[in-house]
Structure formats: structure tokens, C-alpha cells
C-alpha atoms as a PDB file:
ATOM      1  CA  MET A   1     260.358  25.373  48.351  1.00  0.00           C
ATOM      2  CA  LYS A   2     259.969  27.546  45.243  1.00  0.00           C
ATOM      3  CA  LYS A   3     257.300  26.616  43.001  1.00  0.00           C
ATOM      4  CA  SER A   4     258.368  25.045  39.713  1.00  0.00           C
ATOM      5  CA  GLU A   5     258.683  27.432  36.880  1.00  0.00           C
ATOM      6  CA  SER A   6     256.076  26.985  33.890  1.00  0.00           C
ATOM      7  CA  PRO A   7     257.549  25.763  30.669  1.00  0.00           C
ATOM      8  CA  VAL A   8     258.190  28.451  28.135  1.00  0.00           C
ATOM      9  CA  GLN A   9     255.742  28.677  25.507  1.00  0.00           C
ATOM     10  CA  ILE A  10     256.181  29.085  21.937  1.00  0.00           C
ATOM     11  CA  PRO A  11     254.709  32.497  20.737  1.00  0.00           C
ATOM     12  CA  ALA A  12     252.137  32.397  17.808  1.00  0.00           C
ATOM     13  CA  ALA A  13     254.097  34.516  15.569  1.00  0.00           C
ATOM     14  CA  GLY A  14     256.725  31.417  15.747  1.00  0.00           C
ATOM     15  CA  SER A  15     254.008  28.857  14.730  1.00  0.00           C
ATOM     16  CA  ALA A  16     253.129  31.326  11.942  1.00  0.00           C
ATOM     17  CA  ALA A  17     256.539  31.225  11.007  1.00  0.00           C
ATOM     18  CA  LEU A  18     256.928  27.734  10.831  1.00  0.00           C
ATOM     19  CA  SER A  19     253.940  27.388   8.658  1.00  0.00           C
ATOM     20  CA  GLN A  20     255.620  29.794   6.275  1.00  0.00           C
ATOM     21  CA  ARG A  21     258.549  27.661   5.876  1.00  0.00           C
ATOM     22  CA  LYS A  22     256.464  24.956   4.210  1.00  0.00           C
ATOM     23  CA  THR A  23     257.422  24.123   0.533  1.00  0.00           C
ATOM     24  CA  LEU A  24     255.367  24.869  -2.471  1.00  0.00           C
ATOM     25  CA  GLY A  25     254.595  20.982  -2.621  1.00  0.00           C
ATOM     26  CA  GLN A  26     253.546  20.666   0.965  1.00  0.00           C
ATOM     27  CA  ARG A  27     251.108  23.424   0.075  1.00  0.00           C
ATOM     28  CA  ILE A  28     249.896  21.836  -2.751  1.00  0.00           C
ATOM     29  CA  LEU A  29     249.283  18.714  -1.152  1.00  0.00           C
ATOM     30  CA  GLU A  30     247.559  20.527   1.892  1.00  0.00           C
ATOM     31  CA  ASN A  31     244.945  22.442  -0.590  1.00  0.00           C
ATOM     32  CA  TRP A  32     245.137  19.579  -3.535  1.00  0.00           C
ATOM     33  CA  GLN A  33     241.268  20.035  -4.161  1.00  0.00           C
ATOM     34  CA  LEU A  34     241.510  23.959  -4.638  1.00  0.00           C
ATOM     35  CA  TYR A  35     244.559  23.338  -7.036  1.00  0.00           C
ATOM     36  CA  ALA A  36     242.742  20.658  -9.029  1.00  0.00           C
ATOM     37  CA  LEU A  37     239.922  23.076  -9.485  1.00  0.00           C
ATOM     38  CA  LEU A  38     242.431  25.562 -10.790  1.00  0.00           C
ATOM     39  CA  LEU A  39     244.045  23.230 -13.016  1.00  0.00           C
ATOM     40  CA  VAL A  40     241.290  22.830 -15.419  1.00  0.00           C
ATOM     41  CA  PRO A  41     240.842  26.572 -16.446  1.00  0.00           C
ATOM     42  CA  VAL A  42     244.633  27.032 -16.504  1.00  0.00           C
ATOM     43  CA  VAL A  43     244.895  24.060 -18.893  1.00  0.00           C
ATOM     44  CA  LEU A  44     242.133  25.339 -21.205  1.00  0.00           C
ATOM     45  CA  THR A  45     243.702  28.954 -21.341  1.00  0.00           C
ATOM     46  CA  ILE A  46     247.082  27.312 -22.096  1.00  0.00           C
ATOM     47  CA  VAL A  47     245.251  25.207 -24.853  1.00  0.00           C
ATOM     48  CA  TYR A  48     242.871  27.711 -26.651  1.00  0.00           C
ATOM     49  CA  LYS A  49     244.855  30.767 -25.901  1.00  0.00           C
ATOM     50  CA  TYR A  50     248.437  30.418 -25.634  1.00  0.00           C
ATOM     51  CA  ILE A  51     249.384  27.515 -28.072  1.00  0.00           C
ATOM     52  CA  PRO A  52     247.490  28.769 -30.875  1.00  0.00           C
ATOM     53  CA  MET A  53     249.895  32.116 -30.722  1.00  0.00           C
ATOM     54  CA  TYR A  54     252.541  29.862 -32.420  1.00  0.00           C
ATOM     55  CA  GLY A  55     250.335  30.360 -35.465  1.00  0.00           C
ATOM     56  CA  ILE A  56     250.888  34.273 -35.458  1.00  0.00           C
ATOM     57  CA  GLN A  57     254.186  33.486 -37.496  1.00  0.00           C
ATOM     58  CA  ILE A  58     251.878  33.059 -40.431  1.00  0.00           C
ATOM     59  CA  ALA A  59     251.578  36.742 -40.552  1.00  0.00           C
ATOM     60  CA  PHE A  60     255.411  37.025 -41.540  1.00  0.00           C
ATOM     61  CA  ARG A  61     255.498  34.023 -44.061  1.00  0.00           C
ATOM     62  CA  ASP A  62     254.160  33.161 -47.596  1.00  0.00           C
ATOM     63  CA  PHE A  63     252.016  30.484 -45.820  1.00  0.00           C
ATOM     64  CA  ASP A  64     251.738  27.159 -47.833  1.00  0.00           C
ATOM     65  CA  PRO A  65     249.412  24.486 -46.133  1.00  0.00           C
ATOM     66  CA  ASN A  66     251.515  21.808 -47.846  1.00  0.00           C
ATOM     67  CA  LEU A  67     254.818  22.951 -46.568  1.00  0.00           C
ATOM     68  CA  GLY A  68     253.733  23.774 -42.990  1.00  0.00           C
ATOM     69  CA  TYR A  69     254.896  26.821 -40.695  1.00  0.00           C
ATOM     70  CA  LEU A  70     258.716  26.398 -40.769  1.00  0.00           C
ATOM     71  CA  GLY A  71     258.748  25.478 -44.576  1.00  0.00           C
ATOM     72  CA  SER A  72     256.819  28.442 -45.660  1.00  0.00           C
ATOM     73  CA  ARG A  73     258.955  31.244 -47.147  1.00  0.00           C
ATOM     74  CA  TRP A  74     259.640  34.180 -44.765  1.00  0.00           C
ATOM     75  CA  VAL A  75     258.554  37.612 -46.176  1.00  0.00           C
ATOM     76  CA  GLY A  76     258.882  39.807 -43.115  1.00  0.00           C
ATOM     77  CA  PHE A  77     256.405  42.589 -43.114  1.00  0.00           C
ATOM     78  CA  ASP A  78     255.245  42.317 -46.613  1.00  0.00           C
ATOM     79  CA  TRP A  79     251.722  41.622 -45.795  1.00  0.00           C
ATOM     80  CA  PHE A  80     251.480  44.404 -43.608  1.00  0.00           C
ATOM     81  CA  THR A  81     252.726  46.695 -46.310  1.00  0.00           C
ATOM     82  CA  ARG A  82     250.178  45.394 -48.725  1.00  0.00           C
ATOM     83  CA  PHE A  83     247.483  45.874 -46.062  1.00  0.00           C
ATOM     84  CA  PHE A  84     248.333  49.507 -45.340  1.00  0.00           C
ATOM     85  CA  LYS A  85     248.420  50.171 -49.401  1.00  0.00           C
ATOM     86  CA  ALA A  86     245.184  48.475 -49.759  1.00  0.00           C
ATOM     87  CA  PRO A  87     242.484  50.790 -51.464  1.00  0.00           C
ATOM     88  CA  THR A  88     240.166  50.300 -48.891  1.00  0.00           C
ATOM     89  CA  PHE A  89     242.237  50.634 -45.681  1.00  0.00           C
ATOM     90  CA  TRP A  90     241.554  53.922 -44.444  1.00  0.00           C
ATOM     91  CA  ARG A  91     237.795  53.401 -45.129  1.00  0.00           C
ATOM     92  CA  MET A  92     237.971  50.356 -43.127  1.00  0.00           C
ATOM     93  CA  MET A  93     239.950  52.086 -40.036  1.00  0.00           C
ATOM     94  CA  LYS A  94     237.600  55.027 -40.182  1.00  0.00           C
ATOM     95  CA  ASN A  95     234.355  52.782 -40.102  1.00  0.00           C
ATOM     96  CA  THR A  96     235.865  50.467 -37.238  1.00  0.00           C
ATOM     97  CA  VAL A  97     236.952  53.352 -35.040  1.00  0.00           C
ATOM     98  CA  LEU A  98     233.774  55.218 -35.622  1.00  0.00           C
ATOM     99  CA  ILE A  99     231.521  52.550 -34.890  1.00  0.00           C
ATOM    100  CA  SER A 100     233.558  51.501 -31.835  1.00  0.00           C
ATOM    101  CA  VAL A 101     234.068  54.894 -30.681  1.00  0.00           C
ATOM    102  CA  TYR A 102     230.414  56.133 -31.061  1.00  0.00           C
ATOM    103  CA  GLY A 103     229.055  52.639 -29.525  1.00  0.00           C
ATOM    104  CA  LEU A 104     231.448  53.360 -26.577  1.00  0.00           C
ATOM    105  CA  LEU A 105     230.057  56.842 -26.067  1.00  0.00           C
ATOM    106  CA  TRP A 106     226.637  55.899 -26.470  1.00  0.00           C
ATOM    107  CA  SER A 107     225.957  52.374 -24.849  1.00  0.00           C
ATOM    108  CA  PHE A 108     228.645  52.714 -22.185  1.00  0.00           C
ATOM    109  CA  PRO A 109     226.694  55.335 -19.856  1.00  0.00           C
ATOM    110  CA  VAL A 110     223.093  53.392 -20.289  1.00  0.00           C
ATOM    111  CA  PRO A 111     223.758  50.568 -18.068  1.00  0.00           C
ATOM    112  CA  ILE A 112     225.033  53.003 -15.388  1.00  0.00           C
ATOM    113  CA  ILE A 113     221.994  55.079 -15.725  1.00  0.00           C
ATOM    114  CA  LEU A 114     219.806  52.197 -15.820  1.00  0.00           C
ATOM    115  CA  SER A 115     221.351  50.387 -12.747  1.00  0.00           C
ATOM    116  CA  LEU A 116     220.913  53.918 -10.751  1.00  0.00           C
ATOM    117  CA  ILE A 117     217.120  53.926 -11.933  1.00  0.00           C
ATOM    118  CA  ILE A 118     216.391  50.394 -10.856  1.00  0.00           C
ATOM    119  CA  ASN A 119     218.147  50.854  -7.679  1.00  0.00           C
ATOM    120  CA  GLN A 120     215.676  53.325  -6.579  1.00  0.00           C
ATOM    121  CA  VAL A 121     212.799  51.150  -7.088  1.00  0.00           C
ATOM    122  CA  ARG A 122     211.316  49.882  -3.756  1.00  0.00           C
ATOM    123  CA  PHE A 123     208.597  47.413  -5.288  1.00  0.00           C
ATOM    124  CA  HIS A 124     210.803  44.384  -5.181  1.00  0.00           C
ATOM    125  CA  LYS A 125     208.439  42.244  -7.610  1.00  0.00           C
ATOM    126  CA  PHE A 126     208.085  45.048 -10.224  1.00  0.00           C
ATOM    127  CA  LYS A 127     211.797  45.364  -9.897  1.00  0.00           C
ATOM    128  CA  ARG A 128     212.393  41.956 -10.622  1.00  0.00           C
ATOM    129  CA  VAL A 129     210.038  41.746 -13.664  1.00  0.00           C
ATOM    130  CA  VAL A 130     211.849  45.055 -15.038  1.00  0.00           C
ATOM    131  CA  GLN A 131     215.377  43.306 -14.401  1.00  0.00           C
ATOM    132  CA  THR A 132     214.131  40.045 -16.260  1.00  0.00           C
ATOM    133  CA  VAL A 133     212.715  42.088 -19.030  1.00  0.00           C
ATOM    134  CA  LEU A 134     215.890  43.894 -19.572  1.00  0.00           C
ATOM    135  CA  TYR A 135     217.972  40.820 -19.266  1.00  0.00           C
ATOM    136  CA  ALA A 136     216.051  38.778 -21.812  1.00  0.00           C
ATOM    137  CA  PRO A 137     217.553  40.542 -25.224  1.00  0.00           C
ATOM    138  CA  HIS A 138     221.047  39.425 -24.247  1.00  0.00           C
ATOM    139  CA  PHE A 139     220.072  35.749 -24.681  1.00  0.00           C
ATOM    140  CA  ILE A 140     218.924  36.116 -28.157  1.00  0.00           C
ATOM    141  CA  SER A 141     221.333  35.021 -30.905  1.00  0.00           C
ATOM    142  CA  VAL A 142     222.852  37.527 -33.119  1.00  0.00           C
ATOM    143  CA  MET A 143     221.539  35.955 -36.062  1.00  0.00           C
ATOM    144  CA  VAL A 144     217.848  36.390 -34.667  1.00  0.00           C
ATOM    145  CA  ILE A 145     218.491  39.734 -33.619  1.00  0.00           C
ATOM    146  CA  CYS A 146     219.457  40.828 -37.320  1.00  0.00           C
ATOM    147  CA  GLY A 147     216.381  38.932 -38.480  1.00  0.00           C
ATOM    148  CA  MET A 148     214.247  41.090 -36.150  1.00  0.00           C
ATOM    149  CA  ILE A 149     215.976  44.184 -37.336  1.00  0.00           C
ATOM    150  CA  LYS A 150     215.390  43.554 -40.879  1.00  0.00           C
ATOM    151  CA  ILE A 151     211.844  42.871 -40.054  1.00  0.00           C
ATOM    152  CA  PHE A 152     211.336  46.084 -38.039  1.00  0.00           C
ATOM    153  CA  LEU A 153     212.973  47.964 -40.748  1.00  0.00           C
ATOM    154  CA  SER A 154     211.322  46.695 -43.763  1.00  0.00           C
ATOM    155  CA  PRO A 155     210.241  49.031 -46.278  1.00  0.00           C
ATOM    156  CA  SER A 156     207.107  46.704 -46.890  1.00  0.00           C
ATOM    157  CA  GLY A 157     205.379  46.598 -43.637  1.00  0.00           C
ATOM    158  CA  GLY A 158     208.066  47.480 -41.284  1.00  0.00           C
ATOM    159  CA  LEU A 159     207.035  48.931 -38.099  1.00  0.00           C
ATOM    160  CA  LEU A 160     209.301  52.039 -38.420  1.00  0.00           C
ATOM    161  CA  ASN A 161     208.152  52.788 -41.871  1.00  0.00           C
ATOM    162  CA  LEU A 162     204.494  52.285 -40.674  1.00  0.00           C
ATOM    163  CA  ILE A 163     205.095  54.835 -38.001  1.00  0.00           C
ATOM    164  CA  LEU A 164     206.866  57.325 -40.134  1.00  0.00           C
ATOM    165  CA  GLY A 165     204.505  56.565 -43.194  1.00  0.00           C
ATOM    166  CA  THR A 166     207.197  55.866 -45.568  1.00  0.00           C
ATOM    167  CA  GLN A 167     208.832  52.945 -47.412  1.00  0.00           C
ATOM    168  CA  ILE A 168     212.437  53.373 -47.185  1.00  0.00           C
ATOM    169  CA  ASP A 169     214.945  50.370 -46.822  1.00  0.00           C
ATOM    170  CA  PHE A 170     217.008  51.653 -44.016  1.00  0.00           C
ATOM    171  CA  LEU A 171     219.555  48.955 -44.365  1.00  0.00           C
ATOM    172  CA  THR A 172     220.654  50.162 -47.799  1.00  0.00           C
ATOM    173  CA  GLN A 173     221.306  53.725 -46.450  1.00  0.00           C
ATOM    174  CA  ALA A 174     224.962  53.942 -45.815  1.00  0.00           C
ATOM    175  CA  GLY A 175     224.299  56.719 -43.414  1.00  0.00           C
ATOM    176  CA  ALA A 176     221.892  54.765 -41.357  1.00  0.00           C
ATOM    177  CA  PHE A 177     223.943  51.916 -40.663  1.00  0.00           C
ATOM    178  CA  ARG A 178     225.824  52.899 -37.578  1.00  0.00           C
ATOM    179  CA  THR A 179     222.861  54.057 -35.823  1.00  0.00           C
ATOM    180  CA  ILE A 180     220.959  50.832 -36.426  1.00  0.00           C
ATOM    181  CA  TYR A 181     224.292  48.950 -35.287  1.00  0.00           C
ATOM    182  CA  ILE A 182     224.606  51.150 -32.312  1.00  0.00           C
ATOM    183  CA  ALA A 183     220.882  51.325 -31.193  1.00  0.00           C
ATOM    184  CA  SER A 184     220.114  47.458 -31.578  1.00  0.00           C
ATOM    185  CA  GLY A 185     223.361  46.694 -29.581  1.00  0.00           C
ATOM    186  CA  ILE A 186     222.079  49.225 -26.758  1.00  0.00           C
ATOM    187  CA  TRP A 187     218.742  47.362 -26.746  1.00  0.00           C
ATOM    188  CA  GLN A 188     220.207  43.913 -26.518  1.00  0.00           C
ATOM    189  CA  ASP A 189     223.139  44.500 -23.905  1.00  0.00           C
ATOM    190  CA  MET A 190     222.109  47.288 -21.679  1.00  0.00           C
ATOM    191  CA  GLY A 191     220.185  45.058 -18.995  1.00  0.00           C
ATOM    192  CA  TRP A 192     222.999  42.658 -19.021  1.00  0.00           C
ATOM    193  CA  GLY A 193     225.667  45.426 -18.642  1.00  0.00           C
ATOM    194  CA  CYS A 194     223.611  46.866 -15.416  1.00  0.00           C
ATOM    195  CA  ILE A 195     223.947  43.556 -13.590  1.00  0.00           C
ATOM    196  CA  ILE A 196     227.533  44.253 -12.146  1.00  0.00           C
ATOM    197  CA  TYR A 197     226.591  47.687 -11.382  1.00  0.00           C
ATOM    198  CA  LEU A 198     223.473  46.627  -9.383  1.00  0.00           C
ATOM    199  CA  ALA A 199     225.524  44.055  -7.423  1.00  0.00           C
ATOM    200  CA  THR A 200     227.891  46.810  -6.376  1.00  0.00           C
ATOM    201  CA  LEU A 201     225.127  49.318  -5.388  1.00  0.00           C
ATOM    202  CA  ALA A 202     223.560  46.377  -3.418  1.00  0.00           C
ATOM    203  CA  ASN A 203     226.460  46.171  -1.222  1.00  0.00           C
ATOM    204  CA  VAL A 204     226.361  49.851  -0.117  1.00  0.00           C
ATOM    205  CA  ASP A 205     225.830  50.309   3.782  1.00  0.00           C
ATOM    206  CA  PRO A 206     222.162  51.200   4.110  1.00  0.00           C
ATOM    207  CA  GLY A 207     223.342  53.550   6.958  1.00  0.00           C
ATOM    208  CA  LEU A 208     224.683  55.872   4.477  1.00  0.00           C
ATOM    209  CA  TYR A 209     221.234  56.483   2.845  1.00  0.00           C
ATOM    210  CA  GLU A 210     219.370  56.684   6.238  1.00  0.00           C
ATOM    211  CA  ALA A 211     222.020  59.386   7.278  1.00  0.00           C
ATOM    212  CA  ALA A 212     221.605  61.403   4.079  1.00  0.00           C
ATOM    213  CA  LYS A 213     217.638  61.308   4.656  1.00  0.00           C
ATOM    214  CA  MET A 214     218.052  62.767   7.910  1.00  0.00           C
ATOM    215  CA  ASP A 215     220.320  65.489   6.794  1.00  0.00           C
ATOM    216  CA  GLY A 216     217.543  66.459   4.203  1.00  0.00           C
ATOM    217  CA  ALA A 217     219.356  64.956   0.964  1.00  0.00           C
ATOM    218  CA  SER A 218     217.096  64.391  -2.060  1.00  0.00           C
ATOM    219  CA  VAL A 219     217.023  61.303  -4.252  1.00  0.00           C
ATOM    220  CA  PHE A 220     219.408  63.021  -6.626  1.00  0.00           C
ATOM    221  CA  GLN A 221     221.824  64.207  -4.173  1.00  0.00           C
ATOM    222  CA  ARG A 222     222.012  60.669  -2.516  1.00  0.00           C
ATOM    223  CA  ILE A 223     222.670  59.297  -5.930  1.00  0.00           C
ATOM    224  CA  LEU A 224     225.317  61.959  -6.574  1.00  0.00           C
ATOM    225  CA  HIS A 225     227.237  61.494  -3.261  1.00  0.00           C
ATOM    226  CA  ILE A 226     226.710  57.761  -2.356  1.00  0.00           C
ATOM    227  CA  ASP A 227     225.847  55.565  -5.458  1.00  0.00           C
ATOM    228  CA  ILE A 228     228.084  57.314  -8.255  1.00  0.00           C
ATOM    229  CA  PRO A 229     231.344  57.265  -5.991  1.00  0.00           C
ATOM    230  CA  GLU A 230     230.553  53.699  -5.002  1.00  0.00           C
ATOM    231  CA  LEU A 231     230.296  52.790  -8.817  1.00  0.00           C
ATOM    232  CA  MET A 232     233.289  54.701  -9.787  1.00  0.00           C
ATOM    233  CA  PRO A 233     235.990  51.705  -9.381  1.00  0.00           C
ATOM    234  CA  MET A 234     233.908  49.274 -11.480  1.00  0.00           C
ATOM    235  CA  VAL A 235     232.975  52.180 -14.125  1.00  0.00           C
ATOM    236  CA  ILE A 236     236.651  52.530 -14.508  1.00  0.00           C
ATOM    237  CA  LEU A 237     237.436  48.959 -14.701  1.00  0.00           C
ATOM    238  CA  ASN A 238     234.851  48.325 -17.458  1.00  0.00           C
ATOM    239  CA  LEU A 239     235.880  51.725 -19.169  1.00  0.00           C
ATOM    240  CA  ILE A 240     239.522  50.088 -19.434  1.00  0.00           C
ATOM    241  CA  MET A 241     238.311  46.947 -20.729  1.00  0.00           C
ATOM    242  CA  ALA A 242     235.976  48.341 -23.311  1.00  0.00           C
ATOM    243  CA  ALA A 243     238.875  50.601 -24.536  1.00  0.00           C
ATOM    244  CA  GLY A 244     241.178  47.409 -24.847  1.00  0.00           C
ATOM    245  CA  GLY A 245     238.396  46.018 -27.353  1.00  0.00           C
ATOM    246  CA  ILE A 246     237.464  49.215 -29.161  1.00  0.00           C
ATOM    247  CA  MET A 247     238.903  47.762 -32.457  1.00  0.00           C
ATOM    248  CA  ASN A 248     236.751  44.687 -32.145  1.00  0.00           C
ATOM    249  CA  VAL A 249     233.538  45.510 -33.884  1.00  0.00           C
ATOM    250  CA  GLY A 250     231.293  42.404 -33.913  1.00  0.00           C
ATOM    251  CA  PHE A 251     231.886  40.304 -36.964  1.00  0.00           C
ATOM    252  CA  GLU A 252     228.645  38.403 -37.144  1.00  0.00           C
ATOM    253  CA  LYS A 253     226.239  41.630 -36.781  1.00  0.00           C
ATOM    254  CA  VAL A 254     227.965  43.640 -39.557  1.00  0.00           C
ATOM    255  CA  TRP A 255     228.240  40.824 -41.673  1.00  0.00           C
ATOM    256  CA  LEU A 256     224.523  39.917 -41.360  1.00  0.00           C
ATOM    257  CA  LEU A 257     223.499  43.525 -41.927  1.00  0.00           C
ATOM    258  CA  GLN A 258     225.847  44.467 -44.507  1.00  0.00           C
ATOM    259  CA  THR A 259     224.729  45.132 -48.055  1.00  0.00           C
ATOM    260  CA  ASP A 260     226.315  46.245 -51.220  1.00  0.00           C
ATOM    261  CA  LEU A 261     224.602  49.764 -50.766  1.00  0.00           C
ATOM    262  CA  ASN A 262     225.631  50.335 -47.222  1.00  0.00           C
ATOM    263  CA  LYS A 263     229.597  49.198 -47.390  1.00  0.00           C
ATOM    264  CA  ALA A 264     230.444  52.778 -47.195  1.00  0.00           C
ATOM    265  CA  THR A 265     229.990  52.688 -43.584  1.00  0.00           C
ATOM    266  CA  SER A 266     229.655  48.809 -42.734  1.00  0.00           C
ATOM    267  CA  ASP A 267     233.267  47.956 -44.460  1.00  0.00           C
ATOM    268  CA  VAL A 268     235.226  47.043 -40.912  1.00  0.00           C
ATOM    269  CA  ILE A 269     238.366  45.105 -40.262  1.00  0.00           C
ATOM    270  CA  ALA A 270     236.654  42.202 -38.790  1.00  0.00           C
ATOM    271  CA  VAL A 271     234.754  41.464 -42.140  1.00  0.00           C
ATOM    272  CA  TYR A 272     237.875  42.116 -44.144  1.00  0.00           C
ATOM    273  CA  VAL A 273     239.767  39.331 -42.100  1.00  0.00           C
ATOM    274  CA  TYR A 274     236.947  36.813 -42.760  1.00  0.00           C
ATOM    275  CA  GLU A 275     236.686  37.774 -46.528  1.00  0.00           C
ATOM    276  CA  GLN A 276     240.556  37.383 -47.058  1.00  0.00           C
ATOM    277  CA  GLY A 277     241.137  34.309 -44.998  1.00  0.00           C
ATOM    278  CA  ILE A 278     237.952  32.283 -45.308  1.00  0.00           C
ATOM    279  CA  VAL A 279     236.513  33.233 -48.603  1.00  0.00           C
ATOM    280  CA  ASN A 280     239.728  34.230 -50.650  1.00  0.00           C
ATOM    281  CA  ALA A 281     241.978  31.594 -48.590  1.00  0.00           C
ATOM    282  CA  LYS A 282     244.820  34.344 -48.010  1.00  0.00           C
ATOM    283  CA  TYR A 283     245.970  32.857 -44.547  1.00  0.00           C
ATOM    284  CA  SER A 284     249.033  34.946 -44.336  1.00  0.00           C
ATOM    285  CA  TYR A 285     247.215  38.272 -45.346  1.00  0.00           C
ATOM    286  CA  SER A 286     244.267  37.866 -43.025  1.00  0.00           C
ATOM    287  CA  THR A 287     246.594  36.760 -40.091  1.00  0.00           C
ATOM    288  CA  ALA A 288     248.482  39.848 -40.615  1.00  0.00           C
ATOM    289  CA  VAL A 289     245.392  41.994 -40.645  1.00  0.00           C
ATOM    290  CA  GLY A 290     244.034  40.295 -37.560  1.00  0.00           C
ATOM    291  CA  LEU A 291     247.500  40.915 -35.854  1.00  0.00           C
ATOM    292  CA  PHE A 292     247.525  44.366 -36.631  1.00  0.00           C
ATOM    293  CA  ASN A 293     244.254  44.974 -35.179  1.00  0.00           C
ATOM    294  CA  THR A 294     245.152  43.150 -31.998  1.00  0.00           C
ATOM    295  CA  VAL A 295     248.228  45.070 -31.391  1.00  0.00           C
ATOM    296  CA  ILE A 296     246.119  48.339 -32.001  1.00  0.00           C
ATOM    297  CA  ASN A 297     243.660  47.166 -29.259  1.00  0.00           C
ATOM    298  CA  ILE A 298     246.779  46.327 -26.853  1.00  0.00           C
ATOM    299  CA  VAL A 299     248.243  49.596 -27.056  1.00  0.00           C
ATOM    300  CA  LEU A 300     244.886  51.398 -26.520  1.00  0.00           C
ATOM    301  CA  LEU A 301     244.436  49.278 -23.409  1.00  0.00           C
ATOM    302  CA  ILE A 302     247.884  50.272 -21.999  1.00  0.00           C
ATOM    303  CA  ILE A 303     247.244  53.953 -22.925  1.00  0.00           C
ATOM    304  CA  VAL A 304     243.916  54.181 -21.254  1.00  0.00           C
ATOM    305  CA  ASN A 305     245.057  52.348 -18.206  1.00  0.00           C
ATOM    306  CA  LYS A 306     248.078  54.424 -17.718  1.00  0.00           C
ATOM    307  CA  ILE A 307     245.654  57.583 -18.063  1.00  0.00           C
ATOM    308  CA  VAL A 308     243.069  56.316 -15.663  1.00  0.00           C
ATOM    309  CA  SER A 309     245.395  55.095 -13.178  1.00  0.00           C
ATOM    310  CA  LYS A 310     246.967  58.720 -12.908  1.00  0.00           C
ATOM    311  CA  ALA A 311     243.678  60.186 -12.375  1.00  0.00           C
ATOM    312  CA  SER A 312     242.365  57.441  -9.832  1.00  0.00           C
ATOM    313  CA  ASP A 313     243.550  54.728  -7.626  1.00  0.00           C
ATOM    314  CA  VAL A 314     242.065  52.176  -9.794  1.00  0.00           C
ATOM    315  CA  GLU A 315     244.530  50.238 -12.147  1.00  0.00           C
ATOM    316  CA  PHE A 316     243.869  47.235 -14.426  1.00  0.00           C
ATOM    317  CA  VAL A 317     246.902  46.132 -15.740  1.00  0.00           C
END
């Protein structure tokens, strides 16, 4: 007698195909816990980011709170035209761009260099202490930071004036404002900014370093040929994100450090929006100025992303 033939087995590929035929509802029911967790940030994003965009139309209306959005008269681009013709328009644009560009040029490389240096420290306890000290300023509020700056630069008893042997009120010097703003920003955020780079370097294969040592590579050569190439994708992503916010000069810090004598270099768009919208109650005008600022950021983000994507394999949007 012939042996009975074994039953035909369904291949694994067939079972995978069956699982792929599941409907969206079935997949949601199977993983409802994950979708429930995802629901919270999605709802918050919609409520706080997308629904308020309905109010953008204020920039194109002569908004009257008593009449509401739709009841207010449509004026088109009148508010934008008024902003472009404002006497301080070019000064605000120049100050906003210069502070942002100088801040990017000076502050962007600092966390990268700092992370490369810290990564070379082999004493782990000392390394943790250094990281803690560098992270701490990030958690100090902007108001406290500005108070510290004013004390440090005070013409009577300020540390800088004691060192220089002078009695200069640096906050009244228009030429010093950008330096004060950028330098204090570097001190406050350089430690926090290097965290993501240190995390990237922590995932580098130690075998690469050992092989480089055996080949006689110096510390500088290991940094140049191992660490920096590993950091480049993250550096490019951070550069794209920074370029997208190049017009967003921090309002709080500028407002707290601004004086009548340094307005020539501290008068920026963010402060102007606050003055027109909150102080002068020109809601439509301030919305138009803020929308113009946002559009410039979006355009810069797209341009930088396209340029970088052509020069590398990293693309953000």
C-alpha cells in the first residue's frame, strides 16, 4: 500500500497576505491601546494648532469684536500694505534677520563642538558633573536670566564693569544689544542643545574607535572620520528646523532687555506684534504682521530643505 500523502500546508506568505486583508477597523480593535495613546496628542494638536487657524482671516478683515469674524468688513491686503509702508518696517526686518542669522551662525556650532569634547571625556563621574552644570541654565526662566544679565552688566557694581574698570551701561548701547542677546542665549542653551548629539555619539560602534586606534589614528582623526560623519544627519535636521524659525526672535527676552536707547537694534517684529495687538488693540493689524512673519519662516524652511536635500540624503519635509 502506498503511504497516504501529507496534507498540503498553507505557506507563511499566504497567512501574511490574509493578515494584510484586515480592515482598518479590525487593526484598530487589535491595537486599541496604542491608538488610545495616539488620540491624546492628535486631539491636542487639532484643538491648539489647527482650530485657531480659523482666526487667520482677521488679518484680511477690519475686525470688530462686537461683530465677530464674519460680520467684520473684508479689507483684503490693506493691513499688509500698511505694515510694509510703516516707518520702522525696514529697521524691524533688519534687526529680526540679523539677530536670527548671527544667532544661528554663532550658537548652532557650539552644541556640536561641545558634544564632541564631552564625548572624549573618559572619567564618567566628571563627565556627568559637567553635563549637569551645562544643562542647568536651560531650566532658568527667561525673566530670571534677564535679571541676571542686568545685574552682571550694571554700571554700578556689575561684574563686567568691575573687570574692565568702567561704568558703562551696556544695555543702553545699541551696538551691544545683539552681542548680549546672542551670548546669553548660547550660555543658556548650549548644554541642552548638545544632548541629542551626545545621544547620537553614544550609539557609535566602539569597534570603529578600536580599529582606528590600531591603525594609528589620532583623537582628532577619529573625531573627523567617525564622530562628525555620524552626527551629520542630525546636524542637517537641526539646521533645517533652525532655518524654519529664523524669523522667530524670542519675544520675552527682547522685551525685557529693550530700552528706549537700544531700540535701533532691538526693535524686532515679535515685539511690534505685541505692541500693536495687545497694547494698542489693533487685532487685525497685528495678526497680519504675525502671518507675514510665519509665511517667511515657511518659505525659508522649504528653501533650506530643498538645498540640503540636494546636497545630502537627509530630507525633513
